[in-house]
Structures are given as C-alpha cells and as structure tokens.
Amino acid sequence: MSSPSKPTATQKPREIFIQGVTSDGRTFRPSDWAERLAGAMSCFRPGARNMGPGAHIGYSPYCVPTSMGKVKCVVVNEALRELEPMAWDFVMNFARDNDLQVVEACLLPDAPRA
C-alpha cells in the first residue's frame, strides 16, 4: 500500500476510506471494528488538550466511522498525518495488517432535505 502524499497549502487534505472488506472480498470482523478504531482515535481532534470532563465522548473529525451501503468504513482525514504522525501510522498500519481495502475519496455532505 503506497502512502498518500502530503497536501500542499492550496490542496484540501484528502480523505482515506478504510473499508471493512479484505482484499479477497471477505467482511472484516468484529462487526463494530470501525467504531472501535475511531474510538481509539477520539482524542485526536482540534482543542483536545484544552477540553474538560466528557471530552472523550464523540469521535475525532479526523477519524470517523461510517457505512457505505452495507460496508462499514472509517474515514481518515489526511490532516491527521500532520497533527499526529503516529496516529496516522496506527490507522494505516491497522488497515494494512488486516488486509483491508483502502480508497482515497471525498466524503460529501448530505443533500439538503426538501
């Protein structure tokens, strides 16, 4: 798996989707793996050092669990690489070590409801 390049000042950080599907198409287990991985990264967020009680509740904006159809995913913002390189390496090595599919993409906001 090649490492994505660092964004320049004019580029937005990319998002990396770690999908809960192995390279041979099997569904990754346990079923809550995405929430566990994102939970482990919850302290990596803007202002985390200055937050008081309950700061651990919620996910980091740099590492968010989601689903694409029926596939569990974790969306990892490339800004995490600059914020905390060891955290970036942790999530990328998790994907590699578990043979998970990794895709560069952009998470689009939900369409406004009519």
PDB file of N, CA and C in Angstrom:
ATOM      1  N   MET A   1       0.850  -1.156   0.000  1.00  0.00           N
ATOM      2  CA  MET A   1       0.000   0.000   0.000  1.00  0.00           C
ATOM      3  C   MET A   1       0.897   1.219   0.000  1.00  0.00           C
ATOM      4  N   SER A   2       0.737   2.101  -0.989  1.00  0.00           N
ATOM      5  CA  SER A   2       1.565   3.291  -1.033  1.00  0.00           C
ATOM      6  C   SER A   2       0.982   4.371  -0.147  1.00  0.00           C
ATOM      7  N   SER A   3       1.866   5.212   0.397  1.00  0.00           N
ATOM      8  CA  SER A   3       1.427   6.290   1.269  1.00  0.00           C
ATOM      9  C   SER A   3       0.977   7.464   0.429  1.00  0.00           C
ATOM     10  N   PRO A   4      -0.178   8.070   0.761  1.00  0.00           N
ATOM     11  CA  PRO A   4      -0.603   9.255   0.050  1.00  0.00           C
ATOM     12  C   PRO A   4       0.374  10.393   0.338  1.00  0.00           C
ATOM     13  N   SER A   5       0.535  11.294  -0.638  1.00  0.00           N
ATOM     14  CA  SER A   5       1.446  12.407  -0.433  1.00  0.00           C
ATOM     15  C   SER A   5       0.819  13.464   0.453  1.00  0.00           C
ATOM     16  N   LYS A   6       1.686  14.305   1.054  1.00  0.00           N
ATOM     17  CA  LYS A   6       1.199  15.372   1.914  1.00  0.00           C
ATOM     18  C   LYS A   6       0.534  16.434   1.052  1.00  0.00           C
ATOM     19  N   PRO A   7      -0.571  17.049   1.554  1.00  0.00           N
ATOM     20  CA  PRO A   7      -1.223  18.091   0.773  1.00  0.00           C
ATOM     21  C   PRO A   7      -0.391  19.366   0.780  1.00  0.00           C
ATOM     22  N   THR A   8      -0.465  20.126  -0.311  1.00  0.00           N
ATOM     23  CA  THR A   8       0.193  21.424  -0.349  1.00  0.00           C
ATOM     24  C   THR A   8      -0.744  22.444   0.271  1.00  0.00           C
ATOM     25  N   ALA A   9      -0.261  23.682   0.392  1.00  0.00           N
ATOM     26  CA  ALA A   9      -1.052  24.735   1.025  1.00  0.00           C
ATOM     27  C   ALA A   9      -2.348  25.012   0.266  1.00  0.00           C
ATOM     28  N   THR A  10      -2.367  24.754  -1.046  1.00  0.00           N
ATOM     29  CA  THR A  10      -3.568  25.030  -1.832  1.00  0.00           C
ATOM     30  C   THR A  10      -4.509  23.837  -1.918  1.00  0.00           C
ATOM     31  N   GLN A  11      -4.073  22.672  -1.504  1.00  0.00           N
ATOM     32  CA  GLN A  11      -4.905  21.475  -1.562  1.00  0.00           C
ATOM     33  C   GLN A  11      -5.625  21.265  -0.242  1.00  0.00           C
ATOM     34  N   LYS A  12      -6.853  20.750  -0.334  1.00  0.00           N
ATOM     35  CA  LYS A  12      -7.530  20.296   0.876  1.00  0.00           C
ATOM     36  C   LYS A  12      -6.972  18.930   1.235  1.00  0.00           C
ATOM     37  N   PRO A  13      -6.899  18.633   2.526  1.00  0.00           N
ATOM     38  CA  PRO A  13      -6.471  17.273   2.886  1.00  0.00           C
ATOM     39  C   PRO A  13      -7.436  16.246   2.301  1.00  0.00           C
ATOM     40  N   ARG A  14      -6.881  15.153   1.865  1.00  0.00           N
ATOM     41  CA  ARG A  14      -7.701  14.078   1.313  1.00  0.00           C
ATOM     42  C   ARG A  14      -8.283  13.245   2.429  1.00  0.00           C
ATOM     43  N   GLU A  15      -9.247  12.467   2.058  1.00  0.00           N
ATOM     44  CA  GLU A  15      -9.837  11.516   2.989  1.00  0.00           C
ATOM     45  C   GLU A  15      -9.554  10.117   2.477  1.00  0.00           C
ATOM     46  N   ILE A  16      -9.177   9.277   3.395  1.00  0.00           N
ATOM     47  CA  ILE A  16      -8.877   7.886   3.097  1.00  0.00           C
ATOM     48  C   ILE A  16      -9.980   7.043   3.719  1.00  0.00           C
ATOM     49  N   PHE A  17     -10.604   6.198   2.925  1.00  0.00           N
ATOM     50  CA  PHE A  17     -11.654   5.311   3.416  1.00  0.00           C
ATOM     51  C   PHE A  17     -11.050   3.937   3.648  1.00  0.00           C
ATOM     52  N   ILE A  18     -11.051   3.522   4.898  1.00  0.00           N
ATOM     53  CA  ILE A  18     -10.656   2.158   5.230  1.00  0.00           C
ATOM     54  C   ILE A  18     -11.948   1.362   5.258  1.00  0.00           C
ATOM     55  N   GLN A  19     -12.080   0.430   4.342  1.00  0.00           N
ATOM     56  CA  GLN A  19     -13.315  -0.332   4.199  1.00  0.00           C
ATOM     57  C   GLN A  19     -13.218  -1.658   4.943  1.00  0.00           C
ATOM     58  N   GLY A  20     -14.338  -2.077   5.502  1.00  0.00           N
ATOM     59  CA  GLY A  20     -14.397  -3.319   6.256  1.00  0.00           C
ATOM     60  C   GLY A  20     -14.529  -4.540   5.375  1.00  0.00           C
ATOM     61  N   VAL A  21     -13.732  -4.556   4.310  1.00  0.00           N
ATOM     62  CA  VAL A  21     -13.710  -5.673   3.367  1.00  0.00           C
ATOM     63  C   VAL A  21     -12.252  -5.975   3.077  1.00  0.00           C
ATOM     64  N   THR A  22     -11.877  -7.235   3.183  1.00  0.00           N
ATOM     65  CA  THR A  22     -10.496  -7.621   2.912  1.00  0.00           C
ATOM     66  C   THR A  22     -10.243  -7.634   1.411  1.00  0.00           C
ATOM     67  N   SER A  23      -8.987  -7.735   1.035  1.00  0.00           N
ATOM     68  CA  SER A  23      -8.646  -7.711  -0.394  1.00  0.00           C
ATOM     69  C   SER A  23      -9.266  -8.874  -1.160  1.00  0.00           C
ATOM     70  N   ASP A  24      -9.603  -9.960  -0.454  1.00  0.00           N
ATOM     71  CA  ASP A  24     -10.257 -11.085  -1.146  1.00  0.00           C
ATOM     72  C   ASP A  24     -11.789 -11.045  -1.017  1.00  0.00           C
ATOM     73  N   GLY A  25     -12.330  -9.909  -0.532  1.00  0.00           N
ATOM     74  CA  GLY A  25     -13.780  -9.713  -0.527  1.00  0.00           C
ATOM     75  C   GLY A  25     -14.522 -10.153   0.720  1.00  0.00           C
ATOM     76  N   ARG A  26     -13.799 -10.643   1.740  1.00  0.00           N
ATOM     77  CA  ARG A  26     -14.479 -11.076   2.961  1.00  0.00           C
ATOM     78  C   ARG A  26     -14.801  -9.882   3.857  1.00  0.00           C
ATOM     79  N   THR A  27     -15.936  -9.942   4.559  1.00  0.00           N
ATOM     80  CA  THR A  27     -16.316  -8.907   5.512  1.00  0.00           C
ATOM     81  C   THR A  27     -15.427  -9.018   6.740  1.00  0.00           C
ATOM     82  N   PHE A  28     -14.863  -7.886   7.161  1.00  0.00           N
ATOM     83  CA  PHE A  28     -13.978  -7.868   8.315  1.00  0.00           C
ATOM     84  C   PHE A  28     -14.794  -7.951   9.595  1.00  0.00           C
ATOM     85  N   ARG A  29     -14.303  -8.707  10.548  1.00  0.00           N
ATOM     86  CA  ARG A  29     -14.944  -8.875  11.854  1.00  0.00           C
ATOM     87  C   ARG A  29     -13.982  -8.457  12.946  1.00  0.00           C
ATOM     88  N   PRO A  30     -14.446  -7.973  14.082  1.00  0.00           N
ATOM     89  CA  PRO A  30     -15.830  -7.953  14.560  1.00  0.00           C
ATOM     90  C   PRO A  30     -16.637  -6.854  13.873  1.00  0.00           C
ATOM     91  N   SER A  31     -17.945  -6.945  13.991  1.00  0.00           N
ATOM     92  CA  SER A  31     -18.822  -6.024  13.275  1.00  0.00           C
ATOM     93  C   SER A  31     -18.692  -4.580  13.745  1.00  0.00           C
ATOM     94  N   ASP A  32     -18.161  -4.346  14.938  1.00  0.00           N
ATOM     95  CA  ASP A  32     -18.001  -2.980  15.443  1.00  0.00           C
ATOM     96  C   ASP A  32     -16.563  -2.467  15.316  1.00  0.00           C
ATOM     97  N   TRP A  33     -15.798  -3.038  14.399  1.00  0.00           N
ATOM     98  CA  TRP A  33     -14.398  -2.660  14.252  1.00  0.00           C
ATOM     99  C   TRP A  33     -14.233  -1.179  13.951  1.00  0.00           C
ATOM    100  N   ALA A  34     -15.126  -0.599  13.131  1.00  0.00           N
ATOM    101  CA  ALA A  34     -14.995   0.807  12.736  1.00  0.00           C
ATOM    102  C   ALA A  34     -15.177   1.733  13.937  1.00  0.00           C
ATOM    103  N   GLU A  35     -16.157   1.428  14.764  1.00  0.00           N
ATOM    104  CA  GLU A  35     -16.398   2.235  15.954  1.00  0.00           C
ATOM    105  C   GLU A  35     -15.229   2.107  16.941  1.00  0.00           C
ATOM    106  N   ARG A  36     -14.675   0.906  17.044  1.00  0.00           N
ATOM    107  CA  ARG A  36     -13.533   0.699  17.941  1.00  0.00           C
ATOM    108  C   ARG A  36     -12.312   1.479  17.473  1.00  0.00           C
ATOM    109  N   LEU A  37     -12.006   1.400  16.180  1.00  0.00           N
ATOM    110  CA  LEU A  37     -10.848   2.108  15.642  1.00  0.00           C
ATOM    111  C   LEU A  37     -11.027   3.616  15.792  1.00  0.00           C
ATOM    112  N   ALA A  38     -12.191   4.125  15.418  1.00  0.00           N
ATOM    113  CA  ALA A  38     -12.449   5.564  15.543  1.00  0.00           C
ATOM    114  C   ALA A  38     -12.447   5.988  17.008  1.00  0.00           C
ATOM    115  N   GLY A  39     -12.947   5.142  17.882  1.00  0.00           N
ATOM    116  CA  GLY A  39     -12.931   5.449  19.308  1.00  0.00           C
ATOM    117  C   GLY A  39     -11.515   5.563  19.842  1.00  0.00           C
ATOM    118  N   ALA A  40     -10.624   4.719  19.361  1.00  0.00           N
ATOM    119  CA  ALA A  40      -9.228   4.789  19.790  1.00  0.00           C
ATOM    120  C   ALA A  40      -8.568   6.090  19.346  1.00  0.00           C
ATOM    121  N   MET A  41      -9.090   6.693  18.293  1.00  0.00           N
ATOM    122  CA  MET A  41      -8.531   7.938  17.764  1.00  0.00           C
ATOM    123  C   MET A  41      -9.292   9.174  18.253  1.00  0.00           C
ATOM    124  N   SER A  42     -10.256   9.011  19.158  1.00  0.00           N
ATOM    125  CA  SER A  42     -11.142  10.115  19.552  1.00  0.00           C
ATOM    126  C   SER A  42     -10.422  11.300  20.186  1.00  0.00           C
ATOM    127  N   CYS A  43      -9.258  11.079  20.779  1.00  0.00           N
ATOM    128  CA  CYS A  43      -8.547  12.191  21.420  1.00  0.00           C
ATOM    129  C   CYS A  43      -7.823  13.077  20.418  1.00  0.00           C
ATOM    130  N   PHE A  44      -7.690  12.650  19.179  1.00  0.00           N
ATOM    131  CA  PHE A  44      -7.005  13.445  18.171  1.00  0.00           C
ATOM    132  C   PHE A  44      -8.015  14.337  17.465  1.00  0.00           C
ATOM    133  N   ARG A  45      -8.193  15.531  18.046  1.00  0.00           N
ATOM    134  CA  ARG A  45      -9.129  16.495  17.481  1.00  0.00           C
ATOM    135  C   ARG A  45      -8.711  17.898  17.874  1.00  0.00           C
ATOM    136  N   PRO A  46      -9.226  18.879  17.152  1.00  0.00           N
ATOM    137  CA  PRO A  46      -8.860  20.261  17.484  1.00  0.00           C
ATOM    138  C   PRO A  46      -9.230  20.585  18.926  1.00  0.00           C
ATOM    139  N   GLY A  47      -8.297  21.172  19.664  1.00  0.00           N
ATOM    140  CA  GLY A  47      -8.541  21.592  21.032  1.00  0.00           C
ATOM    141  C   GLY A  47      -8.628  20.474  22.046  1.00  0.00           C
ATOM    142  N   ALA A  48      -8.228  19.288  21.716  1.00  0.00           N
ATOM    143  CA  ALA A  48      -8.385  18.145  22.626  1.00  0.00           C
ATOM    144  C   ALA A  48      -7.658  18.345  23.946  1.00  0.00           C
ATOM    145  N   ARG A  49      -6.533  19.019  23.941  1.00  0.00           N
ATOM    146  CA  ARG A  49      -5.774  19.219  25.181  1.00  0.00           C
ATOM    147  C   ARG A  49      -6.489  20.170  26.132  1.00  0.00           C
ATOM    148  N   ASN A  50      -7.339  21.042  25.596  1.00  0.00           N
ATOM    149  CA  ASN A  50      -7.996  22.057  26.412  1.00  0.00           C
ATOM    150  C   ASN A  50      -9.418  21.678  26.794  1.00  0.00           C
ATOM    151  N   MET A  51      -9.823  20.481  26.509  1.00  0.00           N
ATOM    152  CA  MET A  51     -11.199  20.086  26.782  1.00  0.00           C
ATOM    153  C   MET A  51     -11.295  19.484  28.180  1.00  0.00           C
ATOM    154  N   GLY A  52     -12.429  19.686  28.812  1.00  0.00           N
ATOM    155  CA  GLY A  52     -12.632  19.223  30.180  1.00  0.00           C
ATOM    156  C   GLY A  52     -13.283  17.858  30.234  1.00  0.00           C
ATOM    157  N   PRO A  53     -13.995  17.593  31.337  1.00  0.00           N
ATOM    158  CA  PRO A  53     -14.672  16.302  31.510  1.00  0.00           C
ATOM    159  C   PRO A  53     -15.614  16.004  30.346  1.00  0.00           C
ATOM    160  N   GLY A  54     -15.639  14.764  29.950  1.00  0.00           N
ATOM    161  CA  GLY A  54     -16.512  14.347  28.854  1.00  0.00           C
ATOM    162  C   GLY A  54     -15.914  14.573  27.481  1.00  0.00           C
ATOM    163  N   ALA A  55     -14.680  15.089  27.415  1.00  0.00           N
ATOM    164  CA  ALA A  55     -14.044  15.367  26.130  1.00  0.00           C
ATOM    165  C   ALA A  55     -13.825  14.100  25.317  1.00  0.00           C
ATOM    166  N   HIS A  56     -13.784  12.961  25.988  1.00  0.00           N
ATOM    167  CA  HIS A  56     -13.542  11.701  25.298  1.00  0.00           C
ATOM    168  C   HIS A  56     -14.786  11.194  24.571  1.00  0.00           C
ATOM    169  N   ILE A  57     -15.927  11.809  24.843  1.00  0.00           N
ATOM    170  CA  ILE A  57     -17.171  11.347  24.236  1.00  0.00           C
ATOM    171  C   ILE A  57     -17.282  11.919  22.832  1.00  0.00           C
ATOM    172  N   GLY A  58     -17.417  11.077  21.863  1.00  0.00           N
ATOM    173  CA  GLY A  58     -17.524  11.501  20.475  1.00  0.00           C
ATOM    174  C   GLY A  58     -16.274  11.122  19.703  1.00  0.00           C
ATOM    175  N   TYR A  59     -16.366  11.237  18.389  1.00  0.00           N
ATOM    176  CA  TYR A  59     -15.264  10.856  17.515  1.00  0.00           C
ATOM    177  C   TYR A  59     -14.468  12.079  17.086  1.00  0.00           C
ATOM    178  N   SER A  60     -13.241  11.852  16.735  1.00  0.00           N
ATOM    179  CA  SER A  60     -12.395  12.891  16.172  1.00  0.00           C
ATOM    180  C   SER A  60     -12.890  13.217  14.763  1.00  0.00           C
ATOM    181  N   PRO A  61     -12.831  14.480  14.346  1.00  0.00           N
ATOM    182  CA  PRO A  61     -13.193  14.788  12.963  1.00  0.00           C
ATOM    183  C   PRO A  61     -12.182  14.233  11.962  1.00  0.00           C
ATOM    184  N   TYR A  62     -11.034  13.755  12.452  1.00  0.00           N
ATOM    185  CA  TYR A  62     -10.011  13.190  11.590  1.00  0.00           C
ATOM    186  C   TYR A  62     -10.168  11.689  11.376  1.00  0.00           C
ATOM    187  N   CYS A  63     -11.062  11.042  12.114  1.00  0.00           N
ATOM    188  CA  CYS A  63     -11.201   9.586  12.033  1.00  0.00           C
ATOM    189  C   CYS A  63     -12.632   9.226  12.441  1.00  0.00           C
ATOM    190  N   VAL A  64     -13.499   9.045  11.461  1.00  0.00           N
ATOM    191  CA  VAL A  64     -14.929   8.920  11.707  1.00  0.00           C
ATOM    192  C   VAL A  64     -15.457   7.589  11.140  1.00  0.00           C
ATOM    193  N   PRO A  65     -16.202   6.844  11.951  1.00  0.00           N
ATOM    194  CA  PRO A  65     -16.819   5.620  11.410  1.00  0.00           C
ATOM    195  C   PRO A  65     -18.049   5.984  10.589  1.00  0.00           C
ATOM    196  N   THR A  66     -18.284   5.227   9.546  1.00  0.00           N
ATOM    197  CA  THR A  66     -19.460   5.432   8.704  1.00  0.00           C
ATOM    198  C   THR A  66     -19.742   4.129   7.967  1.00  0.00           C
ATOM    199  N   SER A  67     -20.743   4.147   7.124  1.00  0.00           N
ATOM    200  CA  SER A  67     -21.051   2.998   6.269  1.00  0.00           C
ATOM    201  C   SER A  67     -21.255   3.492   4.851  1.00  0.00           C
ATOM    202  N   MET A  68     -20.833   2.681   3.920  1.00  0.00           N
ATOM    203  CA  MET A  68     -21.124   2.921   2.505  1.00  0.00           C
ATOM    204  C   MET A  68     -21.927   1.713   2.053  1.00  0.00           C
ATOM    205  N   GLY A  69     -23.229   1.933   1.950  1.00  0.00           N
ATOM    206  CA  GLY A  69     -24.101   0.792   1.698  1.00  0.00           C
ATOM    207  C   GLY A  69     -24.080  -0.096   2.916  1.00  0.00           C
ATOM    208  N   LYS A  70     -23.728  -1.358   2.726  1.00  0.00           N
ATOM    209  CA  LYS A  70     -23.652  -2.299   3.849  1.00  0.00           C
ATOM    210  C   LYS A  70     -22.221  -2.517   4.332  1.00  0.00           C
ATOM    211  N   VAL A  71     -21.290  -1.702   3.838  1.00  0.00           N
ATOM    212  CA  VAL A  71     -19.884  -1.865   4.200  1.00  0.00           C
ATOM    213  C   VAL A  71     -19.495  -0.835   5.253  1.00  0.00           C
ATOM    214  N   LYS A  72     -19.022  -1.323   6.397  1.00  0.00           N
ATOM    215  CA  LYS A  72     -18.514  -0.432   7.445  1.00  0.00           C
ATOM    216  C   LYS A  72     -17.199   0.160   6.969  1.00  0.00           C
ATOM    217  N   CYS A  73     -16.984   1.434   7.309  1.00  0.00           N
ATOM    218  CA  CYS A  73     -15.770   2.129   6.908  1.00  0.00           C
ATOM    219  C   CYS A  73     -15.325   3.064   8.022  1.00  0.00           C
ATOM    220  N   VAL A  74     -14.081   3.469   7.936  1.00  0.00           N
ATOM    221  CA  VAL A  74     -13.570   4.562   8.748  1.00  0.00           C
ATOM    222  C   VAL A  74     -12.991   5.574   7.767  1.00  0.00           C
ATOM    223  N   VAL A  75     -13.446   6.814   7.894  1.00  0.00           N
ATOM    224  CA  VAL A  75     -12.940   7.892   7.054  1.00  0.00           C
ATOM    225  C   VAL A  75     -11.829   8.589   7.831  1.00  0.00           C
ATOM    226  N   VAL A  76     -10.627   8.565   7.275  1.00  0.00           N
ATOM    227  CA  VAL A  76      -9.466   9.159   7.932  1.00  0.00           C
ATOM    228  C   VAL A  76      -9.039  10.381   7.121  1.00  0.00           C
ATOM    229  N   ASN A  77      -9.090  11.544   7.762  1.00  0.00           N
ATOM    230  CA  ASN A  77      -8.677  12.768   7.105  1.00  0.00           C
ATOM    231  C   ASN A  77      -7.159  12.842   7.119  1.00  0.00           C
ATOM    232  N   GLU A  78      -6.581  13.164   5.983  1.00  0.00           N
ATOM    233  CA  GLU A  78      -5.127  13.199   5.867  1.00  0.00           C
ATOM    234  C   GLU A  78      -4.492  14.255   6.776  1.00  0.00           C
ATOM    235  N   ALA A  79      -5.270  15.200   7.270  1.00  0.00           N
ATOM    236  CA  ALA A  79      -4.746  16.196   8.213  1.00  0.00           C
ATOM    237  C   ALA A  79      -4.218  15.524   9.479  1.00  0.00           C
ATOM    238  N   LEU A  80      -4.700  14.326   9.784  1.00  0.00           N
ATOM    239  CA  LEU A  80      -4.214  13.583  10.944  1.00  0.00           C
ATOM    240  C   LEU A  80      -2.715  13.320  10.836  1.00  0.00           C
ATOM    241  N   ARG A  81      -2.239  13.159   9.615  1.00  0.00           N
ATOM    242  CA  ARG A  81      -0.805  12.897   9.397  1.00  0.00           C
ATOM    243  C   ARG A  81       0.046  14.033   9.962  1.00  0.00           C
ATOM    244  N   GLU A  82      -0.372  15.271   9.742  1.00  0.00           N
ATOM    245  CA  GLU A  82       0.363  16.430  10.257  1.00  0.00           C
ATOM    246  C   GLU A  82       0.148  16.597  11.756  1.00  0.00           C
ATOM    247  N   LEU A  83      -1.096  16.408  12.206  1.00  0.00           N
ATOM    248  CA  LEU A  83      -1.434  16.591  13.611  1.00  0.00           C
ATOM    249  C   LEU A  83      -0.697  15.594  14.502  1.00  0.00           C
ATOM    250  N   GLU A  84      -0.729  14.330  14.106  1.00  0.00           N
ATOM    251  CA  GLU A  84      -0.105  13.276  14.915  1.00  0.00           C
ATOM    252  C   GLU A  84       0.323  12.124  14.012  1.00  0.00           C
ATOM    253  N   PRO A  85       1.564  12.179  13.514  1.00  0.00           N
ATOM    254  CA  PRO A  85       2.039  11.143  12.587  1.00  0.00           C
ATOM    255  C   PRO A  85       1.919   9.720  13.127  1.00  0.00           C
ATOM    256  N   MET A  86       2.100   9.532  14.431  1.00  0.00           N
ATOM    257  CA  MET A  86       1.998   8.174  14.980  1.00  0.00           C
ATOM    258  C   MET A  86       0.554   7.662  14.912  1.00  0.00           C
ATOM    259  N   ALA A  87      -0.424   8.540  15.095  1.00  0.00           N
ATOM    260  CA  ALA A  87      -1.830   8.143  14.977  1.00  0.00           C
ATOM    261  C   ALA A  87      -2.140   7.767  13.529  1.00  0.00           C
ATOM    262  N   TRP A  88      -1.619   8.564  12.587  1.00  0.00           N
ATOM    263  CA  TRP A  88      -1.793   8.264  11.160  1.00  0.00           C
ATOM    264  C   TRP A  88      -1.214   6.879  10.844  1.00  0.00           C
ATOM    265  N   ASP A  89       0.009   6.659  11.307  1.00  0.00           N
ATOM    266  CA  ASP A  89       0.642   5.362  11.064  1.00  0.00           C
ATOM    267  C   ASP A  89      -0.164   4.226  11.686  1.00  0.00           C
ATOM    268  N   PHE A  90      -0.721   4.459  12.863  1.00  0.00           N
ATOM    269  CA  PHE A  90      -1.516   3.434  13.537  1.00  0.00           C
ATOM    270  C   PHE A  90      -2.708   3.004  12.682  1.00  0.00           C
ATOM    271  N   VAL A  91      -3.493   3.975  12.190  1.00  0.00           N
ATOM    272  CA  VAL A  91      -4.688   3.598  11.421  1.00  0.00           C
ATOM    273  C   VAL A  91      -4.320   2.998  10.068  1.00  0.00           C
ATOM    274  N   MET A  92      -3.270   3.519   9.439  1.00  0.00           N
ATOM    275  CA  MET A  92      -2.875   2.961   8.150  1.00  0.00           C
ATOM    276  C   MET A  92      -2.273   1.557   8.313  1.00  0.00           C
ATOM    277  N   ASN A  93      -1.514   1.352   9.386  1.00  0.00           N
ATOM    278  CA  ASN A  93      -0.978   0.010   9.649  1.00  0.00           C
ATOM    279  C   ASN A  93      -2.091  -0.962  10.035  1.00  0.00           C
ATOM    280  N   PHE A  94      -3.124  -0.477  10.731  1.00  0.00           N
ATOM    281  CA  PHE A  94      -4.284  -1.314  11.044  1.00  0.00           C
ATOM    282  C   PHE A  94      -4.899  -1.841   9.750  1.00  0.00           C
ATOM    283  N   ALA A  95      -5.080  -0.949   8.795  1.00  0.00           N
ATOM    284  CA  ALA A  95      -5.658  -1.353   7.507  1.00  0.00           C
ATOM    285  C   ALA A  95      -4.755  -2.367   6.803  1.00  0.00           C
ATOM    286  N   ARG A  96      -3.467  -2.084   6.764  1.00  0.00           N
ATOM    287  CA  ARG A  96      -2.536  -2.987   6.084  1.00  0.00           C
ATOM    288  C   ARG A  96      -2.458  -4.339   6.780  1.00  0.00           C
ATOM    289  N   ASP A  97      -2.321  -4.329   8.114  1.00  0.00           N
ATOM    290  CA  ASP A  97      -2.168  -5.566   8.868  1.00  0.00           C
ATOM    291  C   ASP A  97      -3.391  -6.471   8.772  1.00  0.00           C
ATOM    292  N   ASN A  98      -4.573  -5.852   8.576  1.00  0.00           N
ATOM    293  CA  ASN A  98      -5.806  -6.631   8.486  1.00  0.00           C
ATOM    294  C   ASN A  98      -6.274  -6.827   7.044  1.00  0.00           C
ATOM    295  N   ASP A  99      -5.409  -6.457   6.087  1.00  0.00           N
ATOM    296  CA  ASP A  99      -5.670  -6.670   4.663  1.00  0.00           C
ATOM    297  C   ASP A  99      -6.970  -5.999   4.214  1.00  0.00           C
ATOM    298  N   LEU A 100      -7.246  -4.786   4.765  1.00  0.00           N
ATOM    299  CA  LEU A 100      -8.471  -4.079   4.426  1.00  0.00           C
ATOM    300  C   LEU A 100      -8.270  -3.208   3.193  1.00  0.00           C
ATOM    301  N   GLN A 101      -9.328  -3.055   2.424  1.00  0.00           N
ATOM    302  CA  GLN A 101      -9.288  -2.207   1.245  1.00  0.00           C
ATOM    303  C   GLN A 101      -9.253  -0.745   1.679  1.00  0.00           C
ATOM    304  N   VAL A 102      -8.386   0.028   1.027  1.00  0.00           N
ATOM    305  CA  VAL A 102      -8.223   1.447   1.323  1.00  0.00           C
ATOM    306  C   VAL A 102      -8.439   2.222   0.031  1.00  0.00           C
ATOM    307  N   VAL A 103      -9.292   3.257   0.104  1.00  0.00           N
ATOM    308  CA  VAL A 103      -9.643   4.046  -1.072  1.00  0.00           C
ATOM    309  C   VAL A 103      -9.534   5.522  -0.729  1.00  0.00           C
ATOM    310  N   GLU A 104      -8.929   6.299  -1.623  1.00  0.00           N
ATOM    311  CA  GLU A 104      -8.942   7.747  -1.467  1.00  0.00           C
ATOM    312  C   GLU A 104     -10.233   8.263  -2.057  1.00  0.00           C
ATOM    313  N   ALA A 105     -10.905   9.134  -1.331  1.00  0.00           N
ATOM    314  CA  ALA A 105     -12.171   9.678  -1.805  1.00  0.00           C
ATOM    315  C   ALA A 105     -12.464  10.955  -1.045  1.00  0.00           C
ATOM    316  N   CYS A 106     -13.622  11.505  -1.289  1.00  0.00           N
ATOM    317  CA  CYS A 106     -14.065  12.703  -0.596  1.00  0.00           C
ATOM    318  C   CYS A 106     -15.469  12.445  -0.070  1.00  0.00           C
ATOM    319  N   LEU A 107     -15.653  12.621   1.231  1.00  0.00           N
ATOM    320  CA  LEU A 107     -16.951  12.429   1.842  1.00  0.00           C
ATOM    321  C   LEU A 107     -17.796  13.657   1.563  1.00  0.00           C
ATOM    322  N   LEU A 108     -18.899  13.486   0.866  1.00  0.00           N
ATOM    323  CA  LEU A 108     -19.766  14.605   0.512  1.00  0.00           C
ATOM    324  C   LEU A 108     -20.802  14.816   1.591  1.00  0.00           C
ATOM    325  N   PRO A 109     -21.184  16.075   1.847  1.00  0.00           N
ATOM    326  CA  PRO A 109     -22.225  16.329   2.848  1.00  0.00           C
ATOM    327  C   PRO A 109     -23.560  15.789   2.369  1.00  0.00           C
ATOM    328  N   ASP A 110     -24.451  15.500   3.324  1.00  0.00           N
ATOM    329  CA  ASP A 110     -25.789  15.053   2.957  1.00  0.00           C
ATOM    330  C   ASP A 110     -26.515  16.134   2.187  1.00  0.00           C
ATOM    331  N   ALA A 111     -27.339  15.729   1.244  1.00  0.00           N
ATOM    332  CA  ALA A 111     -28.134  16.678   0.465  1.00  0.00           C
ATOM    333  C   ALA A 111     -29.163  17.327   1.374  1.00  0.00           C
ATOM    334  N   PRO A 112     -29.445  18.623   1.140  1.00  0.00           N
ATOM    335  CA  PRO A 112     -30.482  19.263   1.973  1.00  0.00           C
ATOM    336  C   PRO A 112     -31.830  18.604   1.758  1.00  0.00           C
ATOM    337  N   ARG A 113     -32.565  18.505   2.844  1.00  0.00           N
ATOM    338  CA  ARG A 113     -33.885  17.879   2.749  1.00  0.00           C
ATOM    339  C   ARG A 113     -34.909  18.896   2.286  1.00  0.00           C
ATOM    340  N   ALA A 114     -35.772  18.467   1.417  1.00  0.00           N
ATOM    341  CA  ALA A 114     -36.790  19.395   0.870  1.00  0.00           C
ATOM    342  C   ALA A 114     -37.986  19.496   1.780  1.00  0.00           C
TER     343      ALA A 114
END
